[in-house]
Each structure stands twice: as C-alpha cells, then as structure tokens.
Protein backbone atom coordinates (compact mmCIF):
# COMPACT_ATOMS: atom_id res chain seq x y z
CA MET A 1 265.56 -8.20 -146.02
CA ASP A 2 264.68 -11.64 -144.65
CA MET A 3 267.48 -13.12 -142.58
CA LYS A 4 268.84 -16.61 -143.14
CA TYR A 5 269.72 -17.67 -139.58
CA VAL A 6 268.08 -15.24 -137.16
CA TYR A 7 264.29 -15.01 -136.96
CA GLY A 8 261.56 -13.52 -134.86
CA PRO A 9 261.18 -12.67 -132.10
CA VAL A 10 258.33 -15.18 -131.83
CA PRO A 11 256.20 -16.13 -128.82
CA SER A 12 257.31 -19.14 -126.83
CA ARG A 13 254.93 -20.69 -124.33
CA ARG A 14 257.92 -21.54 -122.15
CA LEU A 15 260.45 -18.77 -122.74
CA GLY A 16 258.47 -15.58 -123.35
CA ILE A 17 259.55 -13.56 -126.39
CA SER A 18 262.21 -15.65 -128.10
CA LEU A 19 264.75 -14.53 -130.68
CA GLY A 20 265.43 -17.66 -132.71
CA ILE A 21 268.68 -18.78 -134.28
CA SER A 22 268.69 -21.66 -136.76
CA PRO A 23 272.19 -23.11 -137.41
CA ILE A 24 271.07 -26.05 -139.58
CA PRO A 25 269.40 -26.57 -142.96
CA LYS A 26 265.65 -27.12 -142.99
CA LYS A 27 264.39 -30.52 -141.79
CA THR A 28 267.89 -31.84 -141.03
CA CYS A 29 267.46 -34.15 -138.07
CA ASN A 30 268.36 -37.49 -136.51
CA TYR A 31 264.69 -38.13 -135.65
CA SER A 32 261.57 -38.17 -137.80
CA CYS A 33 258.99 -37.79 -135.05
CA ILE A 34 255.42 -38.74 -135.88
CA TYR A 35 254.15 -35.49 -134.33
CA CYS A 36 256.66 -33.04 -135.91
CA GLN A 37 254.97 -29.81 -137.01
CA LEU A 38 257.51 -29.42 -139.83
CA GLY A 39 256.47 -32.70 -141.45
CA ARG A 40 258.63 -35.77 -142.03
CA THR A 41 262.41 -35.38 -141.89
CA ASP A 42 263.89 -35.41 -145.39
CA LYS A 43 267.56 -34.95 -144.42
CA MET A 44 268.14 -37.74 -141.89
CA THR A 45 271.65 -37.71 -140.44
CA ASN A 46 273.42 -38.41 -137.16
CA THR A 47 276.71 -36.77 -138.17
CA ARG A 48 277.52 -33.39 -136.65
CA GLN A 49 278.58 -30.92 -139.35
CA MET A 50 279.61 -27.27 -139.70
CA PHE A 51 276.63 -26.50 -141.91
CA PHE A 52 277.28 -22.74 -141.89
CA PRO A 53 280.21 -20.63 -140.62
CA VAL A 54 279.69 -19.35 -137.07
CA LYS A 55 280.83 -15.88 -138.23
CA ASP A 56 277.98 -15.68 -140.78
CA ILE A 57 275.36 -16.47 -138.13
CA ILE A 58 276.91 -14.01 -135.68
CA LYS A 59 277.00 -11.25 -138.32
CA GLU A 60 273.22 -11.57 -138.67
CA PHE A 61 272.88 -11.55 -134.89
CA ASP A 62 274.96 -8.37 -134.69
CA ASP A 63 272.80 -6.76 -137.38
CA PHE A 64 269.67 -7.65 -135.45
CA LEU A 65 271.02 -6.20 -132.21
CA LYS A 66 271.32 -2.80 -133.94
CA LYS A 67 267.51 -2.72 -134.18
CA ASP A 68 265.39 -1.57 -131.27
CA VAL A 69 263.44 -4.81 -130.78
CA SER A 70 263.03 -6.33 -127.32
CA PHE A 71 263.28 -10.05 -126.57
CA ASP A 72 263.56 -12.19 -123.46
CA VAL A 73 265.84 -15.01 -124.58
CA VAL A 74 267.99 -16.17 -127.51
CA THR A 75 266.87 -19.65 -128.52
CA ILE A 76 268.99 -21.92 -130.70
CA VAL A 77 266.42 -24.19 -132.26
CA GLY A 78 266.08 -24.18 -136.03
CA GLU A 79 264.08 -26.40 -138.33
CA GLY A 80 265.55 -29.73 -137.28
CA GLU A 81 268.04 -30.78 -134.59
CA PRO A 82 270.44 -27.96 -133.61
CA SER A 83 272.86 -30.24 -131.75
CA LEU A 84 273.89 -31.57 -135.18
CA TYR A 85 275.62 -28.21 -135.72
CA LEU A 86 279.31 -28.76 -135.05
CA GLY A 87 279.86 -25.10 -134.20
CA LEU A 88 277.25 -25.07 -131.43
CA GLY A 89 279.68 -24.44 -128.56
CA SER A 90 281.37 -21.55 -130.38
CA LEU A 91 278.00 -20.11 -131.39
CA ILE A 92 276.75 -20.09 -127.78
CA SER A 93 279.98 -18.41 -126.61
CA GLU A 94 279.79 -15.72 -129.31
CA ILE A 95 276.13 -14.96 -128.50
CA LYS A 96 276.87 -14.68 -124.79
CA GLU A 97 279.63 -12.14 -125.51
CA ARG A 98 277.03 -9.91 -127.16
CA THR A 99 273.98 -10.08 -124.89
CA SER A 100 273.16 -10.53 -121.23
CA LYS A 101 269.90 -12.28 -122.14
CA PRO A 102 269.85 -16.03 -121.45
CA VAL A 103 270.76 -18.46 -124.23
CA ALA A 104 268.54 -21.52 -124.55
CA VAL A 105 268.96 -24.62 -126.71
CA ILE A 106 265.94 -26.71 -127.68
CA THR A 107 267.07 -30.23 -128.56
CA ASN A 108 265.68 -33.73 -128.97
CA GLY A 109 268.49 -34.88 -126.67
CA ALA A 110 269.50 -37.70 -129.00
CA LEU A 111 273.20 -36.81 -129.00
CA LEU A 112 273.63 -36.23 -125.27
CA TYR A 113 275.62 -39.47 -125.12
CA ASP A 114 278.38 -37.45 -126.87
CA ALA A 115 280.62 -35.99 -124.14
CA ASP A 116 281.86 -33.22 -126.46
CA LEU A 117 278.31 -32.05 -127.11
CA ARG A 118 277.53 -32.12 -123.39
CA ASP A 119 280.52 -29.81 -122.81
CA GLU A 120 279.26 -27.42 -125.49
CA LEU A 121 275.73 -27.37 -124.04
CA ASN A 122 277.15 -26.58 -120.61
CA LYS A 123 277.75 -23.05 -121.95
CA ALA A 124 274.00 -22.47 -122.41
CA ASP A 125 271.80 -21.01 -119.66
CA ILE A 126 268.80 -23.24 -120.41
CA VAL A 127 268.67 -26.60 -122.21
CA LEU A 128 265.31 -28.08 -123.18
CA PRO A 129 265.60 -31.74 -124.23
CA THR A 130 262.66 -33.96 -125.10
CA LEU A 131 261.94 -37.34 -123.54
CA ASP A 132 259.09 -38.79 -125.58
CA ALA A 133 259.80 -42.48 -124.96
CA TYR A 134 260.42 -44.74 -121.99
CA ASP A 135 261.69 -47.85 -123.83
CA GLU A 136 262.92 -49.00 -127.24
CA ASP A 137 259.40 -49.74 -128.49
CA THR A 138 257.93 -46.30 -127.76
CA PHE A 139 261.16 -44.72 -129.01
CA SER A 140 260.77 -46.54 -132.32
CA ARG A 141 257.07 -45.72 -132.63
CA ILE A 142 257.27 -42.01 -131.73
CA ASN A 143 260.72 -40.68 -132.62
CA ARG A 144 261.69 -42.94 -135.54
CA ALA A 145 265.36 -42.20 -134.96
CA HIS A 146 268.42 -42.62 -137.17
CA LYS A 147 269.49 -46.27 -137.27
CA ASN A 148 272.61 -45.58 -135.17
CA ILE A 149 270.63 -44.20 -132.21
CA SER A 150 269.14 -46.41 -129.51
CA PHE A 151 266.86 -45.45 -126.64
CA LYS A 152 269.48 -46.81 -124.24
CA ASN A 153 272.07 -44.32 -125.54
CA VAL A 154 269.58 -41.44 -125.42
CA SER A 155 268.42 -42.16 -121.86
CA GLN A 156 271.98 -42.67 -120.59
CA GLY A 157 273.09 -39.44 -122.26
CA LEU A 158 270.24 -37.47 -120.71
CA LYS A 159 271.01 -38.94 -117.31
CA ALA A 160 274.71 -38.04 -117.58
CA PHE A 161 273.92 -34.50 -118.76
CA SER A 162 271.39 -33.94 -115.99
CA LYS A 163 274.08 -34.71 -113.42
CA GLU A 164 276.77 -32.51 -115.06
CA TYR A 165 274.79 -29.48 -116.21
CA LYS A 166 274.93 -26.33 -114.10
CA GLY A 167 272.22 -24.35 -115.89
CA GLN A 168 268.44 -24.79 -116.02
CA LEU A 169 267.35 -28.17 -117.42
CA TRP A 170 263.76 -28.16 -118.65
CA ILE A 171 262.57 -31.55 -119.91
CA GLU A 172 259.59 -31.94 -122.22
CA ILE A 173 257.45 -35.02 -122.79
CA MET A 174 255.14 -35.16 -125.81
CA LEU A 175 252.11 -37.33 -125.08
CA VAL A 176 250.37 -38.88 -128.09
CA LYS A 177 246.91 -40.37 -127.67
CA GLY A 178 246.93 -44.16 -127.58
CA ILE A 179 250.72 -44.53 -127.64
CA ASN A 180 252.31 -43.16 -124.48
CA ASP A 181 249.50 -41.55 -122.47
CA ASP A 182 248.05 -44.45 -120.44
CA ASP A 183 248.64 -44.79 -116.69
CA GLU A 184 251.22 -47.54 -117.15
CA SER A 185 253.24 -45.33 -119.51
CA LEU A 186 253.06 -42.43 -117.07
CA LYS A 187 254.43 -44.66 -114.29
CA LYS A 188 257.36 -45.63 -116.52
CA TYR A 189 258.11 -41.98 -117.22
CA LYS A 190 257.98 -41.29 -113.51
CA SER A 191 260.56 -44.02 -112.91
CA ILE A 192 262.95 -42.57 -115.51
CA LEU A 193 262.47 -39.02 -114.23
CA SER A 194 263.36 -40.13 -110.72
CA GLU A 195 266.91 -40.81 -111.97
CA LEU A 196 267.31 -37.36 -113.51
CA LYS A 197 268.20 -34.01 -112.01
CA TYR A 198 266.09 -31.30 -113.67
CA ASP A 199 264.41 -27.98 -112.92
CA ARG A 200 261.12 -28.18 -114.81
CA LEU A 201 259.06 -30.78 -116.60
CA TYR A 202 256.76 -29.67 -119.40
CA ILE A 203 254.06 -31.96 -120.71
CA ASN A 204 252.94 -31.32 -124.27
CA THR A 205 250.58 -32.89 -126.78
CA PRO A 206 250.37 -32.27 -130.56
CA VAL A 207 248.39 -29.05 -131.08
CA ARG A 208 249.67 -28.26 -134.58
CA PRO A 209 249.22 -30.49 -137.63
CA PRO A 210 251.58 -33.44 -137.14
CA ALA A 211 253.79 -35.25 -139.64
CA GLU A 212 251.45 -38.27 -139.57
CA SER A 213 247.72 -37.70 -139.96
CA ASP A 214 246.67 -40.37 -137.45
CA VAL A 215 248.52 -38.69 -134.56
CA GLU A 216 246.08 -37.27 -132.02
CA ALA A 217 246.36 -35.00 -129.02
CA ILE A 218 245.33 -36.26 -125.58
CA ASP A 219 242.23 -34.73 -123.98
CA ASN A 220 242.16 -32.34 -121.04
CA GLU A 221 241.37 -35.02 -118.47
CA ARG A 222 244.32 -37.13 -119.57
CA MET A 223 246.55 -34.05 -119.45
CA LYS A 224 245.41 -33.29 -115.89
CA THR A 225 246.22 -36.88 -114.89
CA ALA A 226 249.68 -36.69 -116.48
CA VAL A 227 250.39 -33.36 -114.76
CA GLU A 228 249.40 -34.86 -111.43
CA ILE A 229 251.34 -38.14 -111.77
CA LEU A 230 254.51 -36.57 -113.20
CA ASN A 231 254.36 -33.29 -111.28
CA GLY A 232 254.73 -31.41 -114.55
CA ILE A 233 253.45 -28.28 -116.26
CA SER A 234 250.99 -28.43 -119.16
CA ILE A 235 252.27 -26.27 -122.01
CA ASP A 236 248.66 -25.71 -123.11
CA LEU A 237 248.11 -23.68 -119.96
CA LEU A 238 250.92 -21.26 -120.72
CA GLU A 239 250.05 -17.99 -122.39
CA SER A 240 251.91 -16.70 -125.41
CA GLU A 241 252.44 -13.20 -126.71
CA GLY A 242 252.69 -11.72 -130.18
CA PHE A 243 254.82 -12.42 -133.25
CA TYR A 244 257.19 -9.88 -134.80
CA SER A 245 258.78 -9.35 -138.19
CA GLU A 246 260.85 -6.41 -139.43
CA ILE A 247 259.57 -6.96 -143.01
CA SER A 248 257.19 -4.15 -144.00
CA ASP A 249 255.11 -6.12 -146.52
CA ASP A 250 252.43 -7.87 -144.45
CA LEU A 251 252.20 -11.04 -146.54
CA GLU A 252 255.98 -11.49 -146.76
CA ALA A 253 256.31 -10.81 -143.02
CA ILE A 254 253.93 -13.70 -142.33
CA VAL A 255 255.80 -15.98 -144.75
CA SER A 256 259.11 -15.13 -143.02
CA ILE A 257 257.67 -16.31 -139.69
CA ILE A 258 256.02 -19.42 -141.13
CA LYS A 259 259.37 -20.54 -142.55
CA ARG A 260 260.38 -21.43 -138.98
CA HIS A 261 257.13 -21.47 -137.02
CA PRO A 262 253.83 -22.68 -138.57
CA MET A 263 250.94 -20.32 -137.75
CA ASN A 264 247.22 -20.96 -137.53
CA GLN A 265 244.62 -18.57 -138.94
CA PHE A 266 244.00 -16.89 -135.59
CA GLU A 267 247.73 -16.26 -135.05
CA VAL A 268 247.95 -14.77 -138.55
CA GLU A 269 244.95 -12.49 -137.92
CA GLY A 270 246.28 -11.44 -134.52
CA PHE A 271 249.68 -10.66 -136.03
CA LEU A 272 248.08 -8.52 -138.73
CA GLU A 273 245.94 -6.71 -136.16
CA SER A 274 249.07 -5.92 -134.13
CA ARG A 275 250.51 -4.22 -137.24
CA ASN A 276 247.26 -2.22 -137.74
CA CYS A 277 246.79 -3.89 -141.11
CA PRO A 278 243.60 -2.64 -142.87
CA ARG A 279 243.38 -5.61 -145.29
CA ILE A 280 243.38 -8.64 -142.98
CA LYS A 281 240.81 -10.75 -144.88
CA GLU A 282 242.49 -10.04 -148.21
CA ILE A 283 245.95 -11.00 -146.96
CA VAL A 284 244.70 -14.19 -145.28
CA GLU A 285 243.04 -15.15 -148.58
CA ASN A 286 246.28 -14.40 -150.46
CA LEU A 287 248.11 -16.63 -147.99
CA ARG A 288 245.65 -19.48 -148.64
CA ASN A 289 246.38 -19.20 -152.37
CA ASP A 290 250.14 -18.78 -151.99
CA GLU A 291 251.99 -21.58 -153.81
CA ARG A 292 254.64 -21.62 -151.06
CA MET A 293 252.11 -22.71 -148.44
CA ASN A 294 250.58 -25.95 -147.30
CA VAL A 295 247.19 -25.13 -145.77
CA ILE A 296 246.13 -27.82 -143.32
CA ASN A 297 242.71 -27.91 -141.73
CA TYR A 298 243.24 -29.24 -138.24
CA LYS A 299 240.66 -29.33 -135.47
CA GLY A 300 238.38 -26.89 -137.27
CA TYR A 301 240.89 -24.21 -138.19
CA ASP A 302 243.55 -23.71 -140.82
CA THR A 303 247.28 -23.90 -140.14
CA PHE A 304 249.81 -22.55 -142.64
CA ARG A 305 253.06 -24.46 -143.10
CA LEU A 306 255.80 -23.89 -145.67
CA LYS A 307 256.01 -26.55 -148.40
C-alpha cells in the first residue's frame, strides 16, 4: 500500500539514502520559485497550519520501521514548504525518539524570522535552507514569494538562525543563468555569507524541468567560478544511489516515487534494472502513456512529473 506521508528511501546528492516525510499537502508553499521541479505553486500561503495530525504521520513512520530497509537520514521535505507545518517541532521530537539516524529539514528559509519556528528547527540535526537571492529584486524575480514576505525578513531570519543553531547548517544557492550567476551577483552572495555561521554551502543549478520554461542552468565553467568565489560544493559533482519502493507492481512503484521526486528516463530504467524487471521498455512506454504523468523533454531526455 502506498503511504501518504512517508516515502522512499530515495537518493539524495547531499544526504545519501534519504527516507522522506511530507507533512504538507502537495504544492503548498510561500514561494513559487521559477525553477521549482514541482511546477508553479497552486496553494500559496504564509500561515502555518496543522495540515495533518502528528500521530498519523508517526504511525506511518512506525510501520515503515518494521520493514528491513536501510536509510541514512530522515528528511522532512515534502512537496512544498515543510516549515508551514505547525506540528514540525513535535514531529521532529517524535522521529528522534524512534531512530538514531539524523533528522534533516529541507526548507526555503522564508519563515526563519519566526522565533517559534527557529526553536522547533533547533531540534533537527541538519537544516538545509536556500538562499537564492541577495536583494529584493533577485528575490522577487527568482522566488516570487507570498506578498507578506520580504527579502529583508528572510535574510535577517537566516542570520539569526545561523547564530543560534547548534546542529549542521547547510545552505544552498540555486544559480539561474542570466539572473544571479554573474560575477557581481557572486560577490554579493559572498558578502551575505560572510555574516552567516554555516557548515556547508551547496551550489545548485536547475537540472530538472523548471516551473518556467525560460529558466536555464548555468554551464560548467560558470559553476567552477561560483564554487571558487563562494568556496562552495557543486551538487552536480555529488553522486547519488538508487531509488526504492516497497510496492511490488513496477509501474505503480515508479508512480509512487514520482509523486514526490520527478524522475528522468535513465533514473526510471536504472530503478527497474535494480528490481531485475524483465519488461523495462514496456513499462517505460506505459509510463509515457499514463494519464497521471506529465512527460517533459528537457535537455534531450524525458522527465516524468505527476500532473
């Protein structure tokens, strides 16, 4: 049976084999980033809510732990912005009572100006906020935030959290060609980063089909320059491992993963090979014709994303 809140494990280029937990409804966010692999946000909100009972999520987590499946980390991430979940602090505490594996939270960092949220996130072992902008203009162009969020609030919140947080703080910057990847932009990022206390800086660029079709990834030379100037790590250079699903039907197993994590054709084929599937071509063709899928040709190969 496909689970509602717990998914994977799936490969993470930063965290190894990640068991995902999604505490929010699909595409519920306070940003509508131009590069988002899930498409445009259709449930824009900046109000924290108890979308689902913590006990329901934890019951699924308990059920999963009964299975003999290995993972490296529990990642609270979901299909939007997990910090909008009002039960986040309780959820982290309940997970940590049940596993010795680290708990990570991937967030856009928009709500870090909220002291209550910062206290909740202090319970996590790793927090991974994004910092895509360096001023109000780039913030508006890239993140397209809820009207009540300003770049000033976001940057001040991140700065405050970086000083308070006792765990591992891993910041990510998404560089979009022609918007925030020039040398002047990189210098502005460097200035902001100098005021933050963090453990790692990851530099990313859109490699999956983005929400807006004119969004482009930066080239390798630009990435090398950014890595050098910002003293960061290029996510493209990190290796990832295989996907997993407990669902026995090969097609439905792929769909269960794609609900949370879009897959390209090579990832689908590799996943099927890992399950010793004898009908790879047939299943890939069925996936292309599946009414639940958007099939996007991007950079010469197909990526499958749930409609």
